[in-house]
Amino acid sequence: MTDYRDVTPGAHSDNAKEVLRYIVNYLRHPIEKIKTLPDWNWTTLIVTLVVLSMASGVLTGLVPPNFFRLMGGFIISPLVGVTTTFIGALFIYYYFQVYEKRTCSLRKIFTLILFANIPFFVFQVGSEIIPPITLVGFAFTALLMAVGLTENFQMDKRRALRLVTILFAIVFILWLWNRIDISRLERLG
């Protein structure tokens, strides 16, 4: 059996530099960059997602500092990030098959969701201080998803907006439910 792994010295550091450069450029021009997604392999995508969600989770644990939230950000955030991104990618993948009557690349959909979630990861850091800021981050994510769906998958703009509006409504309801549970626990405790 032939082994095709890249064993070139420095290949991993070059890949990491490319990813970092792309993310910095993405943060500068998110709307433009979401229109043309990078064609990265699954390993690069998952490692990027794990690192981004871990950084967001750890920073969230530092504002204000809390050891348990910090450890949760280090361990739980990457698991939640990968799981929710895969679920979202599968949802959109099957949406295309059922409603658009076509099959799109799951890896490309995953890439779209990963990059659309970056504003959510950034705004999540301040969520402990100002809880509704999570919704602001997700609103930016929804906007980027709509642009990405229309530009990368040639989805009708109206349907893309309807789809992300439904997703935003679901997230809003879950967020509201969570806030009610937290306030109920605080009154009991």
N, C-alpha and C. Protein backbone atom coordinates (compact mmCIF):
# COMPACT_ATOMS: atom_id res chain seq x y z
N MET A 1 0.84 -1.17 0.00
CA MET A 1 0.00 0.00 0.00
C MET A 1 0.89 1.24 0.00
N THR A 2 0.58 2.19 -0.81
CA THR A 2 1.39 3.39 -0.95
C THR A 2 0.93 4.45 0.04
N ASP A 3 1.89 5.14 0.64
CA ASP A 3 1.60 6.19 1.61
C ASP A 3 1.78 7.54 0.92
N TYR A 4 0.71 8.32 0.85
CA TYR A 4 0.75 9.61 0.16
C TYR A 4 0.78 10.81 1.11
N ARG A 5 1.11 10.59 2.36
CA ARG A 5 1.17 11.71 3.30
C ARG A 5 2.30 12.65 2.94
N ASP A 6 2.09 13.93 3.19
CA ASP A 6 3.12 14.93 2.93
C ASP A 6 4.10 14.92 4.09
N VAL A 7 5.33 14.51 3.82
CA VAL A 7 6.34 14.45 4.87
C VAL A 7 7.43 15.49 4.63
N THR A 8 7.13 16.49 3.82
CA THR A 8 8.06 17.55 3.55
C THR A 8 8.33 18.32 4.84
N PRO A 9 9.61 18.56 5.16
CA PRO A 9 9.89 19.33 6.38
C PRO A 9 9.22 20.71 6.31
N GLY A 10 8.53 21.06 7.36
CA GLY A 10 7.87 22.37 7.42
C GLY A 10 6.52 22.43 6.74
N ALA A 11 6.02 21.32 6.20
CA ALA A 11 4.73 21.34 5.50
C ALA A 11 3.59 21.73 6.43
N HIS A 12 3.64 21.24 7.67
CA HIS A 12 2.57 21.57 8.61
C HIS A 12 2.62 23.04 9.02
N SER A 13 3.82 23.57 9.20
CA SER A 13 3.92 24.98 9.58
C SER A 13 3.52 25.88 8.42
N ASP A 14 3.83 25.46 7.18
CA ASP A 14 3.39 26.23 6.01
C ASP A 14 1.87 26.23 5.92
N ASN A 15 1.26 25.07 6.17
CA ASN A 15 -0.20 24.97 6.15
C ASN A 15 -0.81 25.84 7.24
N ALA A 16 -0.22 25.82 8.42
CA ALA A 16 -0.73 26.65 9.53
C ALA A 16 -0.62 28.12 9.19
N LYS A 17 0.49 28.52 8.55
CA LYS A 17 0.67 29.92 8.15
C LYS A 17 -0.37 30.32 7.10
N GLU A 18 -0.64 29.43 6.16
CA GLU A 18 -1.66 29.69 5.13
C GLU A 18 -3.03 29.87 5.77
N VAL A 19 -3.37 29.00 6.71
CA VAL A 19 -4.66 29.08 7.40
C VAL A 19 -4.75 30.39 8.17
N LEU A 20 -3.71 30.73 8.91
CA LEU A 20 -3.71 31.96 9.69
C LEU A 20 -3.83 33.19 8.78
N ARG A 21 -3.09 33.19 7.67
CA ARG A 21 -3.18 34.30 6.72
C ARG A 21 -4.60 34.45 6.17
N TYR A 22 -5.21 33.30 5.84
CA TYR A 22 -6.57 33.35 5.30
C TYR A 22 -7.54 33.89 6.34
N ILE A 23 -7.43 33.45 7.58
CA ILE A 23 -8.34 33.90 8.64
C ILE A 23 -8.18 35.39 8.90
N VAL A 24 -6.94 35.88 8.92
CA VAL A 24 -6.71 37.31 9.11
C VAL A 24 -7.34 38.10 7.97
N ASN A 25 -7.15 37.66 6.73
CA ASN A 25 -7.78 38.32 5.58
C ASN A 25 -9.30 38.22 5.66
N TYR A 26 -9.78 37.08 6.13
CA TYR A 26 -11.22 36.89 6.29
C TYR A 26 -11.78 37.88 7.30
N LEU A 27 -11.08 38.07 8.42
CA LEU A 27 -11.55 39.01 9.44
C LEU A 27 -11.56 40.44 8.91
N ARG A 28 -10.67 40.74 7.99
CA ARG A 28 -10.64 42.09 7.39
C ARG A 28 -11.79 42.30 6.40
N HIS A 29 -12.11 41.27 5.63
CA HIS A 29 -13.12 41.37 4.57
C HIS A 29 -14.02 40.13 4.57
N PRO A 30 -14.84 39.94 5.60
CA PRO A 30 -15.63 38.70 5.69
C PRO A 30 -16.63 38.51 4.55
N ILE A 31 -17.27 39.57 4.12
CA ILE A 31 -18.28 39.43 3.06
C ILE A 31 -17.61 39.02 1.75
N GLU A 32 -16.48 39.61 1.45
CA GLU A 32 -15.78 39.25 0.21
C GLU A 32 -15.21 37.84 0.29
N LYS A 33 -14.63 37.48 1.43
CA LYS A 33 -13.99 36.17 1.57
C LYS A 33 -15.00 35.02 1.62
N ILE A 34 -16.21 35.28 2.13
CA ILE A 34 -17.21 34.21 2.21
C ILE A 34 -17.72 33.85 0.81
N LYS A 35 -17.50 34.74 -0.15
CA LYS A 35 -17.95 34.49 -1.52
C LYS A 35 -17.08 33.47 -2.24
N THR A 36 -15.82 33.35 -1.85
CA THR A 36 -14.91 32.38 -2.45
C THR A 36 -14.21 31.63 -1.33
N LEU A 37 -14.72 30.48 -1.01
CA LEU A 37 -14.21 29.69 0.11
C LEU A 37 -12.94 28.93 -0.28
N PRO A 38 -12.04 28.72 0.68
CA PRO A 38 -10.84 27.94 0.37
C PRO A 38 -11.20 26.46 0.18
N ASP A 39 -10.40 25.76 -0.57
CA ASP A 39 -10.62 24.33 -0.81
C ASP A 39 -9.65 23.53 0.05
N TRP A 40 -9.94 23.47 1.35
CA TRP A 40 -9.07 22.77 2.29
C TRP A 40 -9.57 21.35 2.50
N ASN A 41 -8.65 20.47 2.89
CA ASN A 41 -9.03 19.09 3.18
C ASN A 41 -9.72 19.02 4.54
N TRP A 42 -10.33 17.87 4.82
CA TRP A 42 -11.09 17.70 6.06
C TRP A 42 -10.23 17.93 7.30
N THR A 43 -9.01 17.44 7.29
CA THR A 43 -8.14 17.58 8.46
C THR A 43 -7.90 19.05 8.77
N THR A 44 -7.57 19.83 7.74
CA THR A 44 -7.32 21.26 7.94
C THR A 44 -8.57 21.95 8.44
N LEU A 45 -9.72 21.61 7.88
CA LEU A 45 -10.98 22.23 8.31
C LEU A 45 -11.28 21.92 9.77
N ILE A 46 -11.14 20.67 10.15
CA ILE A 46 -11.49 20.27 11.53
C ILE A 46 -10.50 20.85 12.52
N VAL A 47 -9.21 20.82 12.20
CA VAL A 47 -8.22 21.41 13.11
C VAL A 47 -8.47 22.91 13.25
N THR A 48 -8.78 23.59 12.14
CA THR A 48 -9.09 25.03 12.20
C THR A 48 -10.30 25.29 13.08
N LEU A 49 -11.34 24.50 12.91
CA LEU A 49 -12.55 24.66 13.72
C LEU A 49 -12.26 24.40 15.19
N VAL A 50 -11.51 23.36 15.49
CA VAL A 50 -11.17 23.05 16.89
C VAL A 50 -10.38 24.20 17.51
N VAL A 51 -9.39 24.72 16.80
CA VAL A 51 -8.57 25.80 17.33
C VAL A 51 -9.41 27.07 17.53
N LEU A 52 -10.24 27.41 16.55
CA LEU A 52 -11.08 28.61 16.68
C LEU A 52 -12.08 28.49 17.83
N SER A 53 -12.75 27.35 17.92
CA SER A 53 -13.74 27.19 18.99
C SER A 53 -13.06 27.09 20.36
N MET A 54 -11.88 26.50 20.40
CA MET A 54 -11.14 26.42 21.67
C MET A 54 -10.70 27.83 22.10
N ALA A 55 -10.18 28.60 21.16
CA ALA A 55 -9.75 29.97 21.49
C ALA A 55 -10.94 30.79 21.98
N SER A 56 -12.07 30.68 21.30
CA SER A 56 -13.28 31.39 21.72
C SER A 56 -13.72 30.95 23.11
N GLY A 57 -13.73 29.63 23.34
CA GLY A 57 -14.15 29.11 24.64
C GLY A 57 -13.23 29.52 25.77
N VAL A 58 -11.93 29.48 25.52
CA VAL A 58 -10.96 29.87 26.56
C VAL A 58 -11.08 31.37 26.85
N LEU A 59 -11.18 32.18 25.80
CA LEU A 59 -11.34 33.63 26.02
C LEU A 59 -12.65 33.93 26.75
N THR A 60 -13.70 33.20 26.42
CA THR A 60 -14.97 33.37 27.13
C THR A 60 -14.80 33.03 28.61
N GLY A 61 -14.00 32.00 28.91
CA GLY A 61 -13.73 31.62 30.30
C GLY A 61 -12.89 32.63 31.05
N LEU A 62 -12.21 33.50 30.31
CA LEU A 62 -11.39 34.53 30.94
C LEU A 62 -12.16 35.83 31.20
N VAL A 63 -13.37 35.95 30.65
CA VAL A 63 -14.15 37.18 30.77
C VAL A 63 -15.46 36.89 31.49
N PRO A 64 -15.60 37.11 32.77
CA PRO A 64 -14.56 37.26 33.78
C PRO A 64 -13.89 35.91 34.06
N PRO A 65 -12.70 35.94 34.65
CA PRO A 65 -11.95 34.68 34.86
C PRO A 65 -12.70 33.69 35.75
N ASN A 66 -12.78 32.45 35.25
CA ASN A 66 -13.43 31.38 35.99
C ASN A 66 -12.78 30.07 35.54
N PHE A 67 -12.18 29.35 36.49
CA PHE A 67 -11.42 28.15 36.15
C PHE A 67 -12.27 27.11 35.43
N PHE A 68 -13.48 26.86 35.93
CA PHE A 68 -14.32 25.82 35.34
C PHE A 68 -14.80 26.19 33.94
N ARG A 69 -15.15 27.45 33.75
CA ARG A 69 -15.54 27.88 32.40
C ARG A 69 -14.34 27.87 31.46
N LEU A 70 -13.16 28.19 32.00
CA LEU A 70 -11.93 28.14 31.21
C LEU A 70 -11.66 26.72 30.73
N MET A 71 -11.79 25.75 31.63
CA MET A 71 -11.58 24.34 31.26
C MET A 71 -12.68 23.86 30.32
N GLY A 72 -13.90 24.33 30.55
CA GLY A 72 -15.00 24.01 29.64
C GLY A 72 -14.73 24.55 28.24
N GLY A 73 -14.16 25.74 28.18
CA GLY A 73 -13.80 26.32 26.89
C GLY A 73 -12.71 25.55 26.20
N PHE A 74 -11.84 24.98 26.99
CA PHE A 74 -10.73 24.21 26.44
C PHE A 74 -11.18 22.83 25.96
N ILE A 75 -12.14 22.23 26.66
CA ILE A 75 -12.55 20.86 26.35
C ILE A 75 -13.92 20.81 25.65
N ILE A 76 -14.91 21.47 26.21
CA ILE A 76 -16.29 21.38 25.71
C ILE A 76 -16.50 22.18 24.43
N SER A 77 -15.97 23.40 24.37
CA SER A 77 -16.20 24.25 23.20
C SER A 77 -15.81 23.60 21.87
N PRO A 78 -14.62 22.96 21.78
CA PRO A 78 -14.30 22.30 20.50
C PRO A 78 -15.27 21.18 20.16
N LEU A 79 -15.69 20.41 21.17
CA LEU A 79 -16.66 19.34 20.90
C LEU A 79 -17.98 19.89 20.41
N VAL A 80 -18.47 20.94 21.07
CA VAL A 80 -19.72 21.57 20.65
C VAL A 80 -19.57 22.20 19.27
N GLY A 81 -18.44 22.87 19.04
CA GLY A 81 -18.20 23.51 17.75
C GLY A 81 -18.20 22.53 16.59
N VAL A 82 -17.48 21.42 16.75
CA VAL A 82 -17.42 20.41 15.69
C VAL A 82 -18.79 19.75 15.50
N THR A 83 -19.45 19.41 16.60
CA THR A 83 -20.75 18.74 16.51
C THR A 83 -21.79 19.63 15.84
N THR A 84 -21.90 20.88 16.28
CA THR A 84 -22.92 21.76 15.71
C THR A 84 -22.61 22.11 14.26
N THR A 85 -21.33 22.22 13.92
CA THR A 85 -20.97 22.51 12.52
C THR A 85 -21.32 21.33 11.63
N PHE A 86 -21.04 20.12 12.09
CA PHE A 86 -21.41 18.93 11.30
C PHE A 86 -22.93 18.81 11.17
N ILE A 87 -23.65 19.05 12.25
CA ILE A 87 -25.12 18.97 12.18
C ILE A 87 -25.65 20.02 11.22
N GLY A 88 -25.14 21.24 11.32
CA GLY A 88 -25.55 22.30 10.40
C GLY A 88 -25.22 21.97 8.96
N ALA A 89 -24.03 21.42 8.73
CA ALA A 89 -23.63 21.05 7.36
C ALA A 89 -24.53 19.95 6.82
N LEU A 90 -24.84 18.96 7.65
CA LEU A 90 -25.73 17.89 7.20
C LEU A 90 -27.13 18.42 6.93
N PHE A 91 -27.61 19.34 7.78
CA PHE A 91 -28.93 19.93 7.56
C PHE A 91 -28.99 20.63 6.20
N ILE A 92 -27.99 21.45 5.90
CA ILE A 92 -27.98 22.18 4.63
C ILE A 92 -27.73 21.23 3.46
N TYR A 93 -26.90 20.22 3.67
CA TYR A 93 -26.65 19.22 2.63
C TYR A 93 -27.96 18.54 2.21
N TYR A 94 -28.74 18.12 3.20
CA TYR A 94 -30.02 17.47 2.89
C TYR A 94 -31.08 18.47 2.44
N TYR A 95 -30.98 19.71 2.90
CA TYR A 95 -31.87 20.75 2.40
C TYR A 95 -31.70 20.87 0.88
N PHE A 96 -30.45 20.91 0.44
CA PHE A 96 -30.19 21.00 -1.00
C PHE A 96 -30.77 19.80 -1.74
N GLN A 97 -30.63 18.62 -1.18
CA GLN A 97 -31.14 17.42 -1.85
C GLN A 97 -32.66 17.41 -1.91
N VAL A 98 -33.31 17.80 -0.83
CA VAL A 98 -34.76 17.71 -0.78
C VAL A 98 -35.43 18.89 -1.48
N TYR A 99 -35.02 20.11 -1.15
CA TYR A 99 -35.72 21.29 -1.64
C TYR A 99 -35.12 21.88 -2.92
N GLU A 100 -33.82 21.76 -3.09
CA GLU A 100 -33.18 22.31 -4.28
C GLU A 100 -32.99 21.24 -5.35
N LYS A 101 -33.22 19.98 -5.00
CA LYS A 101 -33.11 18.84 -5.93
C LYS A 101 -31.72 18.72 -6.56
N ARG A 102 -30.68 18.93 -5.72
CA ARG A 102 -29.31 18.76 -6.18
C ARG A 102 -28.41 18.41 -5.01
N THR A 103 -27.27 17.86 -5.33
CA THR A 103 -26.32 17.48 -4.30
C THR A 103 -25.12 18.42 -4.36
N CYS A 104 -24.76 18.97 -3.21
CA CYS A 104 -23.60 19.85 -3.10
C CYS A 104 -22.56 19.17 -2.23
N SER A 105 -21.34 19.63 -2.33
CA SER A 105 -20.24 19.07 -1.56
C SER A 105 -20.43 19.33 -0.07
N LEU A 106 -20.44 18.25 0.71
CA LEU A 106 -20.56 18.38 2.17
C LEU A 106 -19.37 19.15 2.73
N ARG A 107 -18.18 18.92 2.18
CA ARG A 107 -16.98 19.61 2.65
C ARG A 107 -17.08 21.11 2.40
N LYS A 108 -17.62 21.49 1.25
CA LYS A 108 -17.77 22.92 0.94
C LYS A 108 -18.83 23.56 1.84
N ILE A 109 -19.90 22.84 2.14
CA ILE A 109 -20.93 23.35 3.06
C ILE A 109 -20.34 23.50 4.46
N PHE A 110 -19.56 22.50 4.89
CA PHE A 110 -18.88 22.55 6.19
C PHE A 110 -17.96 23.77 6.25
N THR A 111 -17.23 24.01 5.15
CA THR A 111 -16.33 25.16 5.08
C THR A 111 -17.11 26.46 5.23
N LEU A 112 -18.24 26.55 4.55
CA LEU A 112 -19.08 27.75 4.65
C LEU A 112 -19.52 27.97 6.09
N ILE A 113 -19.99 26.94 6.74
CA ILE A 113 -20.48 27.09 8.11
C ILE A 113 -19.33 27.45 9.06
N LEU A 114 -18.18 26.82 8.86
CA LEU A 114 -17.01 27.14 9.69
C LEU A 114 -16.71 28.64 9.61
N PHE A 115 -16.59 29.17 8.40
CA PHE A 115 -16.24 30.58 8.26
C PHE A 115 -17.38 31.51 8.63
N ALA A 116 -18.59 31.11 8.39
CA ALA A 116 -19.72 31.95 8.79
C ALA A 116 -19.81 32.05 10.32
N ASN A 117 -19.33 31.03 11.02
CA ASN A 117 -19.39 31.02 12.49
C ASN A 117 -18.32 31.86 13.16
N ILE A 118 -17.34 32.33 12.43
CA ILE A 118 -16.25 33.10 13.05
C ILE A 118 -16.78 34.33 13.79
N PRO A 119 -17.70 35.13 13.23
CA PRO A 119 -18.24 36.25 14.03
C PRO A 119 -18.93 35.78 15.32
N PHE A 120 -19.61 34.65 15.25
CA PHE A 120 -20.24 34.10 16.45
C PHE A 120 -19.18 33.80 17.51
N PHE A 121 -18.07 33.17 17.09
CA PHE A 121 -16.98 32.87 18.03
C PHE A 121 -16.42 34.15 18.65
N VAL A 122 -16.28 35.20 17.85
CA VAL A 122 -15.72 36.46 18.34
C VAL A 122 -16.68 37.10 19.35
N PHE A 123 -17.96 37.19 19.00
CA PHE A 123 -18.93 37.83 19.89
C PHE A 123 -19.22 36.99 21.13
N GLN A 124 -19.03 35.70 21.04
CA GLN A 124 -19.29 34.80 22.16
C GLN A 124 -18.43 35.16 23.37
N VAL A 125 -17.26 35.74 23.12
CA VAL A 125 -16.34 36.08 24.20
C VAL A 125 -17.01 37.03 25.20
N GLY A 126 -17.80 37.96 24.73
CA GLY A 126 -18.46 38.91 25.63
C GLY A 126 -19.81 38.48 26.14
N SER A 127 -20.21 37.24 25.85
CA SER A 127 -21.57 36.80 26.19
C SER A 127 -21.83 36.69 27.69
N GLU A 128 -20.81 36.50 28.48
CA GLU A 128 -21.02 36.40 29.92
C GLU A 128 -21.32 37.77 30.52
N ILE A 129 -20.75 38.80 29.93
CA ILE A 129 -20.97 40.16 30.42
C ILE A 129 -22.28 40.73 29.86
N ILE A 130 -22.48 40.56 28.54
CA ILE A 130 -23.69 41.04 27.87
C ILE A 130 -24.30 39.87 27.12
N PRO A 131 -25.18 39.09 27.76
CA PRO A 131 -25.71 37.87 27.13
C PRO A 131 -26.29 38.03 25.72
N PRO A 132 -27.04 39.11 25.42
CA PRO A 132 -27.60 39.21 24.06
C PRO A 132 -26.56 39.37 22.95
N ILE A 133 -25.31 39.62 23.31
CA ILE A 133 -24.28 39.78 22.28
C ILE A 133 -24.10 38.49 21.47
N THR A 134 -24.48 37.37 22.07
CA THR A 134 -24.46 36.10 21.34
C THR A 134 -25.36 36.19 20.11
N LEU A 135 -26.52 36.82 20.27
CA LEU A 135 -27.45 36.96 19.14
C LEU A 135 -26.89 37.88 18.07
N VAL A 136 -26.14 38.90 18.46
CA VAL A 136 -25.50 39.78 17.48
C VAL A 136 -24.49 38.98 16.66
N GLY A 137 -23.70 38.17 17.34
CA GLY A 137 -22.74 37.31 16.64
C GLY A 137 -23.43 36.35 15.69
N PHE A 138 -24.53 35.78 16.15
CA PHE A 138 -25.24 34.84 15.28
C PHE A 138 -25.94 35.56 14.13
N ALA A 139 -26.35 36.81 14.34
CA ALA A 139 -26.94 37.58 13.23
C ALA A 139 -25.91 37.80 12.13
N PHE A 140 -24.66 38.11 12.52
CA PHE A 140 -23.59 38.23 11.53
C PHE A 140 -23.34 36.89 10.84
N THR A 141 -23.39 35.82 11.61
CA THR A 141 -23.23 34.48 11.04
C THR A 141 -24.32 34.22 10.02
N ALA A 142 -25.55 34.56 10.35
CA ALA A 142 -26.68 34.34 9.43
C ALA A 142 -26.50 35.15 8.15
N LEU A 143 -26.06 36.39 8.29
CA LEU A 143 -25.81 37.23 7.11
C LEU A 143 -24.75 36.60 6.21
N LEU A 144 -23.66 36.16 6.81
CA LEU A 144 -22.59 35.52 6.03
C LEU A 144 -23.06 34.22 5.41
N MET A 145 -23.90 33.48 6.13
CA MET A 145 -24.45 32.24 5.56
C MET A 145 -25.29 32.54 4.32
N ALA A 146 -26.12 33.57 4.40
CA ALA A 146 -26.96 33.93 3.25
C ALA A 146 -26.10 34.31 2.05
N VAL A 147 -25.08 35.12 2.28
CA VAL A 147 -24.18 35.52 1.20
C VAL A 147 -23.45 34.29 0.66
N GLY A 148 -22.94 33.46 1.56
CA GLY A 148 -22.22 32.26 1.14
C GLY A 148 -23.07 31.28 0.37
N LEU A 149 -24.30 31.10 0.78
CA LEU A 149 -25.20 30.18 0.06
C LEU A 149 -25.51 30.69 -1.34
N THR A 150 -25.73 32.00 -1.47
CA THR A 150 -26.05 32.53 -2.80
C THR A 150 -24.82 32.56 -3.71
N GLU A 151 -23.66 32.89 -3.16
CA GLU A 151 -22.46 33.02 -3.98
C GLU A 151 -21.78 31.69 -4.29
N ASN A 152 -21.72 30.79 -3.32
CA ASN A 152 -20.99 29.53 -3.51
C ASN A 152 -21.86 28.40 -4.06
N PHE A 153 -23.15 28.47 -3.79
CA PHE A 153 -24.04 27.37 -4.19
C PHE A 153 -25.16 27.83 -5.13
N GLN A 154 -25.08 29.08 -5.58
CA GLN A 154 -26.05 29.65 -6.50
C GLN A 154 -27.49 29.44 -6.03
N MET A 155 -27.69 29.57 -4.75
CA MET A 155 -29.02 29.45 -4.17
C MET A 155 -29.75 30.77 -4.37
N ASP A 156 -31.04 30.71 -4.64
CA ASP A 156 -31.85 31.91 -4.78
C ASP A 156 -31.73 32.75 -3.50
N LYS A 157 -31.51 34.04 -3.67
CA LYS A 157 -31.29 34.93 -2.53
C LYS A 157 -32.45 34.90 -1.55
N ARG A 158 -33.67 34.88 -2.07
CA ARG A 158 -34.86 34.88 -1.21
C ARG A 158 -34.92 33.60 -0.38
N ARG A 159 -34.63 32.46 -1.01
CA ARG A 159 -34.66 31.19 -0.26
C ARG A 159 -33.53 31.13 0.76
N ALA A 160 -32.36 31.66 0.40
CA ALA A 160 -31.24 31.69 1.35
C ALA A 160 -31.59 32.53 2.57
N LEU A 161 -32.18 33.68 2.34
CA LEU A 161 -32.60 34.53 3.46
C LEU A 161 -33.67 33.86 4.32
N ARG A 162 -34.61 33.20 3.67
CA ARG A 162 -35.66 32.49 4.42
C ARG A 162 -35.04 31.38 5.27
N LEU A 163 -34.11 30.62 4.69
CA LEU A 163 -33.47 29.52 5.42
C LEU A 163 -32.69 30.03 6.62
N VAL A 164 -31.87 31.07 6.45
CA VAL A 164 -31.09 31.56 7.58
C VAL A 164 -31.97 32.27 8.61
N THR A 165 -33.08 32.85 8.17
CA THR A 165 -34.02 33.45 9.12
C THR A 165 -34.65 32.38 10.00
N ILE A 166 -35.02 31.26 9.41
CA ILE A 166 -35.56 30.14 10.19
C ILE A 166 -34.52 29.63 11.18
N LEU A 167 -33.28 29.48 10.72
CA LEU A 167 -32.20 29.02 11.61
C LEU A 167 -31.97 30.03 12.74
N PHE A 168 -31.99 31.33 12.40
CA PHE A 168 -31.81 32.35 13.42
C PHE A 168 -32.95 32.30 14.44
N ALA A 169 -34.17 32.09 13.98
CA ALA A 169 -35.32 32.00 14.89
C ALA A 169 -35.16 30.81 15.84
N ILE A 170 -34.69 29.70 15.32
CA ILE A 170 -34.46 28.52 16.18
C ILE A 170 -33.41 28.82 17.23
N VAL A 171 -32.30 29.44 16.81
CA VAL A 171 -31.24 29.79 17.76
C VAL A 171 -31.76 30.80 18.79
N PHE A 172 -32.56 31.77 18.33
CA PHE A 172 -33.12 32.76 19.26
C PHE A 172 -34.00 32.09 20.30
N ILE A 173 -34.85 31.17 19.89
CA ILE A 173 -35.73 30.46 20.83
C ILE A 173 -34.91 29.65 21.83
N LEU A 174 -33.88 28.95 21.34
CA LEU A 174 -33.02 28.17 22.24
C LEU A 174 -32.28 29.08 23.21
N TRP A 175 -31.78 30.22 22.72
CA TRP A 175 -31.08 31.17 23.57
C TRP A 175 -32.02 31.71 24.65
N LEU A 176 -33.24 32.08 24.25
CA LEU A 176 -34.22 32.61 25.19
C LEU A 176 -34.59 31.58 26.25
N TRP A 177 -34.79 30.35 25.81
CA TRP A 177 -35.09 29.26 26.74
C TRP A 177 -33.95 29.09 27.74
N ASN A 178 -32.72 29.12 27.25
CA ASN A 178 -31.55 29.00 28.11
C ASN A 178 -31.48 30.15 29.11
N ARG A 179 -31.74 31.37 28.68
CA ARG A 179 -31.71 32.53 29.57
C ARG A 179 -32.79 32.41 30.65
N ILE A 180 -33.97 31.92 30.29
CA ILE A 180 -35.05 31.73 31.27
C ILE A 180 -34.64 30.68 32.29
N ASP A 181 -34.05 29.58 31.83
CA ASP A 181 -33.58 28.54 32.76
C ASP A 181 -32.51 29.08 33.70
N ILE A 182 -31.58 29.87 33.17
CA ILE A 182 -30.52 30.44 34.01
C ILE A 182 -31.11 31.37 35.05
N SER A 183 -32.04 32.23 34.67
CA SER A 183 -32.64 33.16 35.64
C SER A 183 -33.45 32.39 36.69
N ARG A 184 -34.12 31.30 36.25
CA ARG A 184 -34.88 30.48 37.20
C ARG A 184 -33.94 29.82 38.21
N LEU A 185 -32.81 29.32 37.75
CA LEU A 185 -31.82 28.69 38.64
C LEU A 185 -31.21 29.71 39.60
N GLU A 186 -30.97 30.92 39.11
CA GLU A 186 -30.41 31.96 39.97
C GLU A 186 -31.39 32.35 41.08
N ARG A 187 -32.71 32.36 40.77
CA ARG A 187 -33.70 32.71 41.80
C ARG A 187 -33.81 31.60 42.82
N LEU A 188 -33.65 30.34 42.40
CA LEU A 188 -33.73 29.20 43.34
C LEU A 188 -32.47 29.11 44.20
N GLY A 189 -31.32 29.46 43.62
CA GLY A 189 -30.03 29.29 44.30
C GLY A 189 -29.68 30.45 45.10
